[in-house]
N, C-alpha and C. Protein backbone atom coordinates (compact mmCIF):
# COMPACT_ATOMS: atom_id res chain seq x y z
N MET A 1 110.56 145.85 43.33
CA MET A 1 110.72 146.41 44.67
C MET A 1 109.94 145.56 45.66
N SER A 2 110.57 145.30 46.80
CA SER A 2 109.94 144.43 47.78
C SER A 2 108.68 145.06 48.35
N ALA A 3 107.77 144.18 48.79
CA ALA A 3 106.48 144.65 49.28
C ALA A 3 106.60 145.49 50.54
N TRP A 4 107.67 145.30 51.32
CA TRP A 4 107.76 146.05 52.57
C TRP A 4 108.11 147.50 52.31
N ARG A 5 108.60 147.85 51.12
CA ARG A 5 108.95 149.24 50.83
C ARG A 5 107.72 150.00 50.36
N ARG A 6 106.76 150.11 51.25
CA ARG A 6 105.56 150.83 50.92
C ARG A 6 105.72 152.30 51.33
N ASN A 7 104.68 153.10 51.15
CA ASN A 7 104.76 154.50 51.52
C ASN A 7 105.09 154.63 52.99
N ASP A 8 105.86 155.65 53.31
CA ASP A 8 106.33 155.86 54.68
C ASP A 8 105.90 157.23 55.16
N PRO A 9 104.58 157.41 55.46
CA PRO A 9 104.13 158.72 55.89
C PRO A 9 104.72 159.07 57.24
N THR A 10 104.85 160.34 57.52
CA THR A 10 105.39 160.79 58.79
C THR A 10 104.37 161.68 59.48
N PRO A 11 103.43 161.09 60.25
CA PRO A 11 102.44 161.89 60.94
C PRO A 11 103.07 162.74 62.02
N SER A 12 102.32 163.67 62.53
CA SER A 12 102.83 164.52 63.60
C SER A 12 103.20 163.67 64.80
N SER A 13 104.13 164.18 65.62
CA SER A 13 104.61 163.39 66.76
C SER A 13 103.47 163.06 67.71
N GLY A 14 102.54 164.02 67.92
CA GLY A 14 101.42 163.75 68.82
C GLY A 14 100.53 162.64 68.30
N ALA A 15 100.21 162.69 67.00
CA ALA A 15 99.36 161.66 66.42
C ALA A 15 100.06 160.31 66.43
N LEU A 16 101.37 160.32 66.13
CA LEU A 16 102.12 159.06 66.13
C LEU A 16 102.15 158.46 67.52
N HIS A 17 102.38 159.31 68.55
CA HIS A 17 102.44 158.80 69.92
C HIS A 17 101.10 158.21 70.33
N ALA A 18 100.01 158.90 70.00
CA ALA A 18 98.69 158.39 70.36
C ALA A 18 98.39 157.08 69.65
N GLU A 19 98.77 157.00 68.37
CA GLU A 19 98.51 155.78 67.60
C GLU A 19 99.30 154.62 68.18
N ARG A 20 100.57 154.83 68.54
CA ARG A 20 101.40 153.75 69.05
C ARG A 20 100.92 153.32 70.43
N ARG A 21 100.44 154.27 71.25
CA ARG A 21 99.90 153.88 72.56
C ARG A 21 98.70 152.97 72.37
N SER A 22 97.84 153.31 71.39
CA SER A 22 96.66 152.48 71.13
C SER A 22 97.09 151.10 70.65
N ASP A 23 98.08 151.06 69.75
CA ASP A 23 98.53 149.79 69.20
C ASP A 23 99.11 148.90 70.29
N ILE A 24 99.97 149.48 71.15
CA ILE A 24 100.65 148.64 72.13
C ILE A 24 99.67 148.10 73.16
N PHE A 25 98.69 148.90 73.56
CA PHE A 25 97.72 148.38 74.52
C PHE A 25 96.89 147.27 73.90
N GLY A 26 96.59 147.40 72.60
CA GLY A 26 95.88 146.32 71.92
C GLY A 26 96.68 145.04 71.92
N LEU A 27 97.97 145.14 71.69
CA LEU A 27 98.82 143.96 71.68
C LEU A 27 98.92 143.34 73.08
N LEU A 28 99.07 144.19 74.09
CA LEU A 28 99.24 143.69 75.44
C LEU A 28 97.97 143.04 75.97
N GLN A 29 96.82 143.56 75.56
CA GLN A 29 95.57 143.10 76.13
C GLN A 29 94.94 141.93 75.37
N ASP A 30 95.40 141.66 74.15
CA ASP A 30 94.77 140.62 73.35
C ASP A 30 95.84 139.70 72.78
N GLU A 31 96.33 138.79 73.62
CA GLU A 31 97.41 137.90 73.19
C GLU A 31 96.98 136.95 72.08
N SER A 32 95.67 136.70 71.96
CA SER A 32 95.21 135.71 71.00
C SER A 32 95.30 136.19 69.56
N ARG A 33 95.52 137.49 69.36
CA ARG A 33 95.53 138.02 67.99
C ARG A 33 96.85 137.72 67.28
N HIS A 34 97.92 137.54 68.04
CA HIS A 34 99.23 137.22 67.46
C HIS A 34 99.60 138.21 66.36
N GLN A 35 99.42 139.48 66.63
CA GLN A 35 99.78 140.49 65.65
C GLN A 35 101.28 140.69 65.63
N THR A 36 101.78 141.06 64.50
CA THR A 36 103.18 141.39 64.36
C THR A 36 103.28 142.76 63.71
N ALA A 37 103.98 143.67 64.35
CA ALA A 37 104.14 145.00 63.80
C ALA A 37 105.09 144.96 62.60
N TYR A 38 104.88 145.88 61.68
CA TYR A 38 105.71 145.97 60.49
C TYR A 38 106.75 147.06 60.64
N VAL A 39 107.93 146.82 60.12
CA VAL A 39 108.98 147.82 60.08
C VAL A 39 108.76 148.73 58.87
N THR A 40 108.85 150.04 59.07
CA THR A 40 108.75 150.96 57.94
C THR A 40 110.11 151.04 57.23
N PRO A 41 110.15 151.57 56.01
CA PRO A 41 111.45 151.75 55.34
C PRO A 41 112.43 152.58 56.16
N ALA A 42 111.93 153.63 56.82
CA ALA A 42 112.81 154.44 57.66
C ALA A 42 113.34 153.62 58.83
N GLY A 43 112.46 152.80 59.43
CA GLY A 43 112.89 151.95 60.52
C GLY A 43 113.93 150.92 60.07
N ALA A 44 113.76 150.40 58.86
CA ALA A 44 114.74 149.44 58.33
C ALA A 44 116.10 150.10 58.14
N ARG A 45 116.11 151.34 57.67
CA ARG A 45 117.38 152.04 57.50
C ARG A 45 118.06 152.27 58.84
N TRP A 46 117.25 152.57 59.86
CA TRP A 46 117.84 152.74 61.19
C TRP A 46 118.45 151.42 61.68
N LEU A 47 117.73 150.33 61.55
CA LEU A 47 118.27 149.03 61.96
C LEU A 47 119.56 148.71 61.21
N ALA A 48 119.52 148.90 59.90
CA ALA A 48 120.68 148.55 59.07
C ALA A 48 121.90 149.37 59.45
N SER A 49 121.70 150.59 59.96
CA SER A 49 122.83 151.45 60.30
C SER A 49 123.64 150.90 61.47
N ALA A 50 123.10 149.91 62.18
CA ALA A 50 123.83 149.30 63.29
C ALA A 50 124.97 148.41 62.81
N GLY A 51 124.86 147.91 61.59
CA GLY A 51 125.87 147.01 61.06
C GLY A 51 126.95 147.74 60.28
N PRO A 52 128.03 147.05 59.95
CA PRO A 52 129.14 147.70 59.23
C PRO A 52 128.83 147.97 57.76
N TYR A 53 127.84 147.27 57.20
CA TYR A 53 127.52 147.43 55.78
C TYR A 53 126.02 147.64 55.60
N PRO A 54 125.53 148.84 55.91
CA PRO A 54 124.08 149.08 55.86
C PRO A 54 123.45 148.79 54.50
N ARG A 55 124.13 149.17 53.42
CA ARG A 55 123.54 148.95 52.10
C ARG A 55 123.38 147.47 51.80
N SER A 56 124.36 146.68 52.19
CA SER A 56 124.26 145.24 51.96
C SER A 56 123.12 144.65 52.79
N THR A 57 122.97 145.12 54.02
CA THR A 57 121.89 144.64 54.87
C THR A 57 120.53 144.96 54.25
N LEU A 58 120.39 146.19 53.76
CA LEU A 58 119.12 146.59 53.14
C LEU A 58 118.85 145.77 51.87
N SER A 59 119.90 145.47 51.12
CA SER A 59 119.72 144.66 49.92
C SER A 59 119.25 143.25 50.27
N LEU A 60 119.83 142.68 51.34
CA LEU A 60 119.40 141.35 51.77
C LEU A 60 117.94 141.38 52.23
N TRP A 61 117.56 142.42 52.94
CA TRP A 61 116.17 142.54 53.39
C TRP A 61 115.23 142.76 52.22
N ASP A 62 115.69 143.49 51.23
CA ASP A 62 114.85 143.74 50.07
C ASP A 62 114.55 142.43 49.35
N ALA A 63 115.55 141.54 49.33
CA ALA A 63 115.36 140.24 48.67
C ALA A 63 114.60 139.26 49.54
N GLY A 64 114.72 139.39 50.86
CA GLY A 64 114.06 138.45 51.76
C GLY A 64 113.54 139.13 52.99
N PRO A 65 112.46 139.91 52.89
CA PRO A 65 111.96 140.67 54.04
C PRO A 65 111.37 139.82 55.16
N THR A 66 111.16 138.52 54.92
CA THR A 66 110.64 137.66 55.98
C THR A 66 111.75 136.90 56.70
N THR A 67 113.01 137.26 56.43
CA THR A 67 114.15 136.58 57.03
C THR A 67 114.71 137.38 58.20
N PRO A 68 114.87 136.77 59.38
CA PRO A 68 115.51 137.48 60.50
C PRO A 68 116.97 137.80 60.16
N ASN A 69 117.56 138.67 60.93
CA ASN A 69 118.95 139.03 60.72
C ASN A 69 119.63 139.20 62.07
N VAL A 70 120.95 139.18 62.06
CA VAL A 70 121.73 139.39 63.28
C VAL A 70 122.47 140.71 63.16
N LEU A 71 122.30 141.58 64.14
CA LEU A 71 122.91 142.90 64.11
C LEU A 71 123.70 143.14 65.40
N PRO A 72 124.80 143.89 65.29
CA PRO A 72 125.60 144.18 66.49
C PRO A 72 124.95 145.25 67.36
N CYS A 73 125.19 145.16 68.64
CA CYS A 73 124.74 146.17 69.60
C CYS A 73 125.90 147.12 69.91
N GLY A 74 125.58 148.19 70.61
CA GLY A 74 126.61 149.06 71.15
C GLY A 74 126.79 150.40 70.49
N SER A 75 126.48 150.51 69.19
CA SER A 75 126.68 151.79 68.51
C SER A 75 125.37 152.52 68.25
N VAL A 76 124.38 151.82 67.74
CA VAL A 76 123.08 152.42 67.44
C VAL A 76 122.07 152.11 68.53
N PHE A 77 122.17 150.93 69.11
CA PHE A 77 121.26 150.53 70.18
C PHE A 77 121.92 149.48 71.06
N ASP A 78 121.46 149.38 72.30
CA ASP A 78 121.69 148.23 73.17
C ASP A 78 120.37 147.49 73.28
N VAL A 79 120.39 146.31 73.88
CA VAL A 79 119.16 145.54 74.05
C VAL A 79 119.13 144.99 75.47
N VAL A 80 117.99 145.18 76.14
CA VAL A 80 117.76 144.57 77.45
C VAL A 80 116.81 143.40 77.22
N ASN A 81 117.25 142.22 77.65
CA ASN A 81 116.60 140.95 77.33
C ASN A 81 116.00 140.38 78.61
N ALA A 82 114.67 140.29 78.65
CA ALA A 82 113.96 139.85 79.86
C ALA A 82 113.07 138.65 79.54
N PRO A 83 112.77 137.81 80.53
CA PRO A 83 111.76 136.77 80.31
C PRO A 83 110.46 137.40 79.82
N SER A 84 109.77 136.69 78.97
CA SER A 84 108.65 137.28 78.23
C SER A 84 107.64 137.99 79.12
N MET A 85 107.15 137.31 80.18
CA MET A 85 106.09 137.89 80.99
C MET A 85 106.58 139.11 81.77
N PHE A 86 107.80 139.03 82.31
CA PHE A 86 108.31 140.19 83.04
C PHE A 86 108.59 141.34 82.07
N GLY A 87 109.08 141.02 80.87
CA GLY A 87 109.29 142.06 79.87
C GLY A 87 107.98 142.73 79.50
N ARG A 88 106.90 141.95 79.42
CA ARG A 88 105.60 142.54 79.12
C ARG A 88 105.14 143.45 80.26
N ARG A 89 105.45 143.07 81.50
CA ARG A 89 105.11 143.95 82.63
C ARG A 89 105.88 145.26 82.53
N MET A 90 107.16 145.18 82.18
CA MET A 90 107.94 146.39 81.99
C MET A 90 107.34 147.26 80.89
N LEU A 91 106.98 146.62 79.79
CA LEU A 91 106.41 147.34 78.66
C LEU A 91 105.09 148.00 79.03
N ASP A 92 104.29 147.30 79.79
CA ASP A 92 103.02 147.86 80.23
C ASP A 92 103.24 149.10 81.09
N ARG A 93 104.22 149.04 81.99
CA ARG A 93 104.51 150.20 82.83
C ARG A 93 105.04 151.37 81.99
N LEU A 94 105.89 151.07 81.03
CA LEU A 94 106.45 152.13 80.19
C LEU A 94 105.36 152.87 79.42
N TRP A 95 104.36 152.12 78.95
CA TRP A 95 103.32 152.75 78.13
C TRP A 95 102.18 153.31 78.95
N SER A 96 101.89 152.74 80.11
CA SER A 96 100.75 153.23 80.90
C SER A 96 101.14 154.39 81.80
N ASP A 97 102.34 154.35 82.39
CA ASP A 97 102.74 155.35 83.37
C ASP A 97 104.00 156.12 82.98
N GLY A 98 104.71 155.67 81.96
CA GLY A 98 105.99 156.26 81.62
C GLY A 98 106.01 156.92 80.25
N PRO A 99 107.19 157.06 79.69
CA PRO A 99 107.35 157.78 78.43
C PRO A 99 107.13 156.94 77.18
N GLY A 100 106.75 155.68 77.33
CA GLY A 100 106.66 154.79 76.18
C GLY A 100 107.95 154.00 76.02
N SER A 101 108.09 153.33 74.91
CA SER A 101 109.28 152.49 74.70
C SER A 101 109.87 152.77 73.33
N GLY A 102 111.05 152.24 73.13
CA GLY A 102 111.60 152.17 71.79
C GLY A 102 111.10 150.90 71.14
N PRO A 103 111.76 150.44 70.07
CA PRO A 103 111.37 149.17 69.47
C PRO A 103 111.46 148.02 70.48
N VAL A 104 110.55 147.06 70.33
CA VAL A 104 110.50 145.90 71.22
C VAL A 104 110.22 144.67 70.38
N ALA A 105 110.94 143.58 70.65
CA ALA A 105 110.74 142.33 69.92
C ALA A 105 110.55 141.20 70.91
N GLU A 106 110.06 140.07 70.40
CA GLU A 106 109.95 138.85 71.20
C GLU A 106 110.58 137.70 70.43
N TYR A 107 111.32 136.85 71.18
CA TYR A 107 111.99 135.73 70.53
C TYR A 107 112.32 134.68 71.58
N ARG A 108 111.89 133.45 71.32
CA ARG A 108 112.21 132.30 72.18
C ARG A 108 111.87 132.56 73.65
N GLY A 109 110.69 133.07 73.89
CA GLY A 109 110.24 133.28 75.25
C GLY A 109 110.90 134.44 75.95
N ARG A 110 111.51 135.37 75.20
CA ARG A 110 112.15 136.53 75.78
C ARG A 110 111.61 137.81 75.15
N THR A 111 111.60 138.87 75.92
CA THR A 111 111.24 140.19 75.42
C THR A 111 112.51 141.00 75.26
N LEU A 112 112.72 141.56 74.08
CA LEU A 112 113.92 142.33 73.79
C LEU A 112 113.55 143.80 73.68
N LEU A 113 114.00 144.59 74.65
CA LEU A 113 113.71 146.01 74.66
C LEU A 113 114.94 146.76 74.13
N PHE A 114 114.78 147.43 73.01
CA PHE A 114 115.88 148.19 72.42
C PHE A 114 116.07 149.46 73.24
N ALA A 115 117.33 149.72 73.60
CA ALA A 115 117.65 150.81 74.52
C ALA A 115 118.77 151.67 73.96
N ALA A 116 119.00 152.81 74.61
CA ALA A 116 120.06 153.72 74.18
C ALA A 116 121.42 153.07 74.35
N PRO A 117 122.36 153.33 73.44
CA PRO A 117 123.71 152.79 73.61
C PRO A 117 124.28 153.18 74.98
N GLY A 118 124.97 152.24 75.59
CA GLY A 118 125.52 152.44 76.92
C GLY A 118 124.65 151.88 78.03
N THR A 119 123.40 151.56 77.71
CA THR A 119 122.48 151.02 78.73
C THR A 119 122.99 149.68 79.27
N ALA A 120 123.52 148.83 78.40
CA ALA A 120 123.97 147.50 78.83
C ALA A 120 125.09 147.59 79.85
N GLN A 121 125.88 148.64 79.77
CA GLN A 121 126.97 148.81 80.73
C GLN A 121 126.49 149.41 82.04
N ARG A 122 125.53 150.30 81.97
CA ARG A 122 125.10 151.05 83.15
C ARG A 122 123.98 150.36 83.93
N LEU A 123 123.03 149.72 83.26
CA LEU A 123 121.86 149.19 83.94
C LEU A 123 122.19 148.16 85.01
N PRO A 124 123.09 147.20 84.77
CA PRO A 124 123.37 146.21 85.83
C PRO A 124 123.82 146.84 87.14
N SER A 125 124.64 147.89 87.07
CA SER A 125 125.08 148.53 88.32
C SER A 125 123.93 149.25 89.00
N LEU A 126 123.02 149.84 88.22
CA LEU A 126 121.85 150.48 88.81
C LEU A 126 120.94 149.46 89.48
N LEU A 127 120.78 148.31 88.84
CA LEU A 127 119.95 147.25 89.43
C LEU A 127 120.57 146.75 90.73
N SER A 128 121.89 146.61 90.74
CA SER A 128 122.58 146.15 91.94
C SER A 128 122.45 147.19 93.05
N TRP A 129 122.58 148.45 92.70
CA TRP A 129 122.48 149.52 93.69
C TRP A 129 121.09 149.61 94.28
N GLU A 130 120.07 149.34 93.45
CA GLU A 130 118.68 149.43 93.91
C GLU A 130 118.41 148.45 95.04
N GLU A 131 119.03 147.27 94.98
CA GLU A 131 118.90 146.22 95.99
C GLU A 131 117.46 145.74 96.19
N TRP A 132 116.57 146.15 95.34
CA TRP A 132 115.22 145.62 95.32
C TRP A 132 114.52 145.61 96.68
N GLY A 133 114.44 146.80 97.27
CA GLY A 133 113.61 146.94 98.47
C GLY A 133 114.27 146.45 99.73
N GLY A 134 115.57 146.48 99.81
CA GLY A 134 116.24 145.97 101.00
C GLY A 134 116.03 146.82 102.23
N GLY A 135 115.53 148.05 102.07
CA GLY A 135 115.33 148.92 103.23
C GLY A 135 113.90 149.37 103.31
N ALA A 136 113.68 150.38 104.16
CA ALA A 136 112.33 150.84 104.42
C ALA A 136 111.73 151.62 103.27
N GLY A 137 112.56 152.07 102.34
CA GLY A 137 112.07 152.98 101.32
C GLY A 137 111.25 152.32 100.24
N ALA A 138 111.31 150.99 100.08
CA ALA A 138 110.63 150.39 98.94
C ALA A 138 109.59 149.38 99.38
N GLY A 139 110.00 148.36 100.10
CA GLY A 139 109.06 147.31 100.44
C GLY A 139 108.42 147.45 101.80
N GLY A 140 108.69 148.56 102.46
CA GLY A 140 108.16 148.74 103.80
C GLY A 140 109.25 148.46 104.81
N PRO A 141 109.05 148.83 106.08
CA PRO A 141 110.08 148.63 107.10
C PRO A 141 110.51 147.17 107.20
N GLY A 142 111.77 146.94 106.91
CA GLY A 142 112.30 145.59 107.01
C GLY A 142 111.80 144.66 105.95
N GLY A 143 110.95 145.16 105.02
CA GLY A 143 110.37 144.29 104.01
C GLY A 143 111.29 144.17 102.81
N ARG A 144 110.82 143.40 101.86
CA ARG A 144 111.62 143.24 100.64
C ARG A 144 110.68 142.96 99.50
N GLU A 145 110.81 143.75 98.42
CA GLU A 145 109.97 143.52 97.26
C GLU A 145 110.39 142.24 96.54
N THR A 146 109.44 141.68 95.82
CA THR A 146 109.77 140.54 94.97
C THR A 146 110.76 141.01 93.91
N ALA A 147 111.91 140.37 93.85
CA ALA A 147 112.94 140.77 92.90
C ALA A 147 112.57 140.33 91.49
N PRO A 148 113.01 141.08 90.49
CA PRO A 148 112.76 140.68 89.11
C PRO A 148 113.66 139.51 88.74
N PRO A 149 113.33 138.80 87.69
CA PRO A 149 114.23 137.76 87.21
C PRO A 149 115.49 138.40 86.63
N PRO A 150 116.56 137.64 86.52
CA PRO A 150 117.78 138.21 85.95
C PRO A 150 117.54 138.73 84.53
N LEU A 151 118.11 139.89 84.25
CA LEU A 151 118.01 140.49 82.93
C LEU A 151 119.34 140.34 82.21
N LEU A 152 119.30 140.09 80.92
CA LEU A 152 120.50 140.04 80.09
C LEU A 152 120.63 141.37 79.36
N CYS A 153 121.80 141.96 79.44
CA CYS A 153 122.04 143.26 78.80
C CYS A 153 123.06 143.08 77.68
N HIS A 154 122.68 143.40 76.46
CA HIS A 154 123.54 143.23 75.29
C HIS A 154 124.03 144.60 74.83
N GLY A 155 125.34 144.78 74.86
CA GLY A 155 125.93 146.05 74.45
C GLY A 155 127.10 145.83 73.50
N ALA A 156 128.10 146.70 73.59
CA ALA A 156 129.25 146.64 72.69
C ALA A 156 129.89 145.25 72.74
N GLY A 157 130.13 144.67 71.58
CA GLY A 157 130.71 143.34 71.47
C GLY A 157 129.68 142.23 71.38
N ASP A 158 128.41 142.56 71.59
CA ASP A 158 127.34 141.57 71.49
C ASP A 158 126.55 141.78 70.21
N ALA A 159 125.75 140.78 69.86
CA ALA A 159 124.85 140.86 68.71
C ALA A 159 123.54 140.19 69.07
N VAL A 160 122.47 140.62 68.43
CA VAL A 160 121.16 140.05 68.70
C VAL A 160 120.47 139.71 67.37
N THR A 161 119.57 138.74 67.43
CA THR A 161 118.74 138.41 66.29
C THR A 161 117.55 139.36 66.26
N VAL A 162 117.39 140.07 65.15
CA VAL A 162 116.26 140.99 65.02
C VAL A 162 115.21 140.33 64.13
N PRO A 163 113.94 140.59 64.40
CA PRO A 163 112.87 139.98 63.61
C PRO A 163 112.91 140.45 62.16
N PRO A 164 112.22 139.73 61.29
CA PRO A 164 112.14 140.17 59.89
C PRO A 164 111.32 141.45 59.76
N LEU A 165 111.43 142.07 58.60
CA LEU A 165 110.71 143.31 58.36
C LEU A 165 109.21 143.10 58.26
N VAL A 166 108.82 141.94 57.78
CA VAL A 166 107.41 141.57 57.70
C VAL A 166 107.27 140.21 58.37
N PRO A 167 106.07 139.80 58.78
CA PRO A 167 105.92 138.56 59.54
C PRO A 167 106.54 137.36 58.84
N GLY A 168 107.32 136.60 59.61
CA GLY A 168 107.91 135.38 59.11
C GLY A 168 107.26 134.17 59.75
N PRO A 169 108.01 133.08 59.93
CA PRO A 169 107.45 131.88 60.56
C PRO A 169 106.90 132.20 61.94
N ALA A 170 105.82 131.52 62.31
CA ALA A 170 105.14 131.81 63.58
C ALA A 170 106.07 131.63 64.77
N ALA A 171 107.00 130.69 64.69
CA ALA A 171 107.88 130.41 65.82
C ALA A 171 109.09 131.33 65.87
N GLY A 172 109.26 132.17 64.87
CA GLY A 172 110.43 133.03 64.80
C GLY A 172 110.25 134.31 65.58
N PRO A 173 111.28 135.17 65.57
CA PRO A 173 111.18 136.44 66.28
C PRO A 173 110.13 137.34 65.64
N ARG A 174 109.51 138.19 66.45
CA ARG A 174 108.50 139.10 65.93
C ARG A 174 108.60 140.44 66.64
N TRP A 175 108.16 141.47 65.95
CA TRP A 175 108.13 142.80 66.53
C TRP A 175 106.85 143.00 67.32
N VAL A 176 106.98 143.55 68.51
CA VAL A 176 105.83 144.03 69.27
C VAL A 176 105.66 145.53 69.02
N VAL A 177 106.77 146.26 69.09
CA VAL A 177 106.82 147.67 68.69
C VAL A 177 107.93 147.78 67.65
N ALA A 178 107.57 147.95 66.41
CA ALA A 178 108.56 147.95 65.33
C ALA A 178 109.20 149.32 65.17
N PRO A 179 110.46 149.37 64.75
CA PRO A 179 111.08 150.67 64.45
C PRO A 179 110.39 151.33 63.25
N ASP A 180 110.10 152.60 63.39
CA ASP A 180 109.33 153.27 62.34
C ASP A 180 109.88 154.62 61.92
N THR A 181 111.03 155.02 62.48
CA THR A 181 111.64 156.28 62.08
C THR A 181 113.15 156.10 61.97
N LEU A 182 113.80 157.09 61.39
CA LEU A 182 115.26 157.06 61.28
C LEU A 182 115.94 157.33 62.62
N GLN A 183 115.23 157.95 63.55
CA GLN A 183 115.79 158.27 64.86
C GLN A 183 114.78 157.95 65.95
N PRO A 184 114.50 156.67 66.18
CA PRO A 184 113.53 156.33 67.23
C PRO A 184 114.05 156.71 68.61
N TRP A 185 113.11 157.11 69.47
CA TRP A 185 113.49 157.37 70.86
C TRP A 185 113.79 156.05 71.54
N LEU A 186 114.89 156.02 72.30
CA LEU A 186 115.30 154.81 73.00
C LEU A 186 115.43 155.10 74.49
N PRO A 187 114.84 154.28 75.34
CA PRO A 187 114.98 154.50 76.79
C PRO A 187 116.41 154.25 77.24
N GLY A 188 116.85 155.03 78.21
CA GLY A 188 118.16 154.84 78.80
C GLY A 188 118.10 153.98 80.04
N PRO A 189 119.21 153.81 80.74
CA PRO A 189 119.25 152.91 81.90
C PRO A 189 118.34 153.36 83.03
N GLU A 190 118.22 154.68 83.27
CA GLU A 190 117.37 155.15 84.37
C GLU A 190 115.91 154.84 84.10
N VAL A 191 115.47 155.02 82.84
CA VAL A 191 114.08 154.74 82.50
C VAL A 191 113.79 153.25 82.65
N LEU A 192 114.71 152.40 82.21
CA LEU A 192 114.49 150.96 82.30
C LEU A 192 114.58 150.48 83.74
N LEU A 193 115.42 151.11 84.55
CA LEU A 193 115.43 150.79 85.98
C LEU A 193 114.06 151.10 86.58
N TRP A 194 113.52 152.26 86.25
CA TRP A 194 112.18 152.64 86.73
C TRP A 194 111.15 151.59 86.33
N ALA A 195 111.21 151.13 85.07
CA ALA A 195 110.25 150.12 84.60
C ALA A 195 110.45 148.80 85.32
N CYS A 196 111.71 148.43 85.59
CA CYS A 196 111.99 147.19 86.32
C CYS A 196 111.40 147.23 87.72
N VAL A 197 111.62 148.34 88.41
CA VAL A 197 111.12 148.46 89.78
C VAL A 197 109.61 148.33 89.82
N ARG A 198 108.94 149.03 88.91
CA ARG A 198 107.48 148.99 88.91
C ARG A 198 106.93 147.65 88.43
N ALA A 199 107.62 147.02 87.51
CA ALA A 199 107.20 145.68 87.10
C ALA A 199 107.37 144.69 88.25
N ALA A 200 108.46 144.83 89.02
CA ALA A 200 108.68 143.95 90.16
C ALA A 200 107.62 144.17 91.22
N ARG A 201 107.19 145.42 91.41
CA ARG A 201 106.16 145.71 92.41
C ARG A 201 104.82 145.09 92.04
N SER A 202 104.63 144.82 90.76
CA SER A 202 103.37 144.22 90.33
C SER A 202 103.38 142.70 90.47
N LEU A 203 104.54 142.12 90.81
CA LEU A 203 104.63 140.68 91.03
C LEU A 203 104.09 140.33 92.42
N PRO A 204 103.61 139.08 92.61
CA PRO A 204 103.17 138.68 93.96
C PRO A 204 104.32 138.78 94.94
N HIS A 205 104.06 139.31 96.11
CA HIS A 205 105.09 139.44 97.14
C HIS A 205 105.30 138.10 97.84
N THR A 206 106.53 137.84 98.19
CA THR A 206 106.84 136.62 98.95
C THR A 206 106.95 136.97 100.43
N PRO A 207 106.52 136.05 101.30
CA PRO A 207 106.59 136.34 102.73
C PRO A 207 108.04 136.57 103.17
N THR A 208 108.23 137.51 104.07
CA THR A 208 109.57 137.77 104.61
C THR A 208 109.50 137.74 106.12
N ARG A 209 110.61 137.48 106.77
CA ARG A 209 110.64 137.48 108.22
C ARG A 209 110.49 138.91 108.74
N THR A 210 109.86 139.05 109.86
CA THR A 210 109.74 140.36 110.48
C THR A 210 111.11 140.84 110.89
N ALA A 211 111.40 142.10 110.60
CA ALA A 211 112.72 142.63 110.91
C ALA A 211 112.94 142.63 112.42
N LEU A 212 114.18 142.29 112.83
CA LEU A 212 114.51 142.31 114.24
C LEU A 212 114.72 143.75 114.70
N THR A 213 114.29 144.05 115.87
CA THR A 213 114.46 145.39 116.42
C THR A 213 115.27 145.29 117.70
N THR A 214 115.94 146.37 118.02
CA THR A 214 116.76 146.39 119.24
C THR A 214 116.18 147.39 120.21
């Protein structure tokens, strides 16, 4: 039996939430530690359920738990893909002021936030509607907030590379918040819009022209 199939205790939701908040803040505040979260057996089953052949996926992972895999989006999860630093700002807002996050990975300078199915279709329109402070309600009268970098939304018809169940090569994908239950909570488009707005507000503001008045 592979080493990753260790005991899978299920602490109370309150204790689990407190523990994960502590873990994520440790990761965000100490980049030099290069920690990688581990996927639990329950989390692995949840990930595998995204593919057409879950048992085959689990068998491959059992034989090679340090190997990344490619899984389809759209049925079990969507993924919002942000530049690493902006994604970390979103994650910080989710954990410090919001409801927390679902699983989160990092790969090739990008932060991958696992989201509820349908998010990839809905979030871009919400971002467009927000207009990033184009009026008085966000950046001040005539002002404009610093816009976030473009986000990539992966949904139905897309696939993403997921990190291995246990730490693999240093340059490969890694978990920041690993899946640990059969039914992890996943943020929807409204929650991620909220995180985007607040992450953008934490960016340095760029000078704007004073609004013309009549």
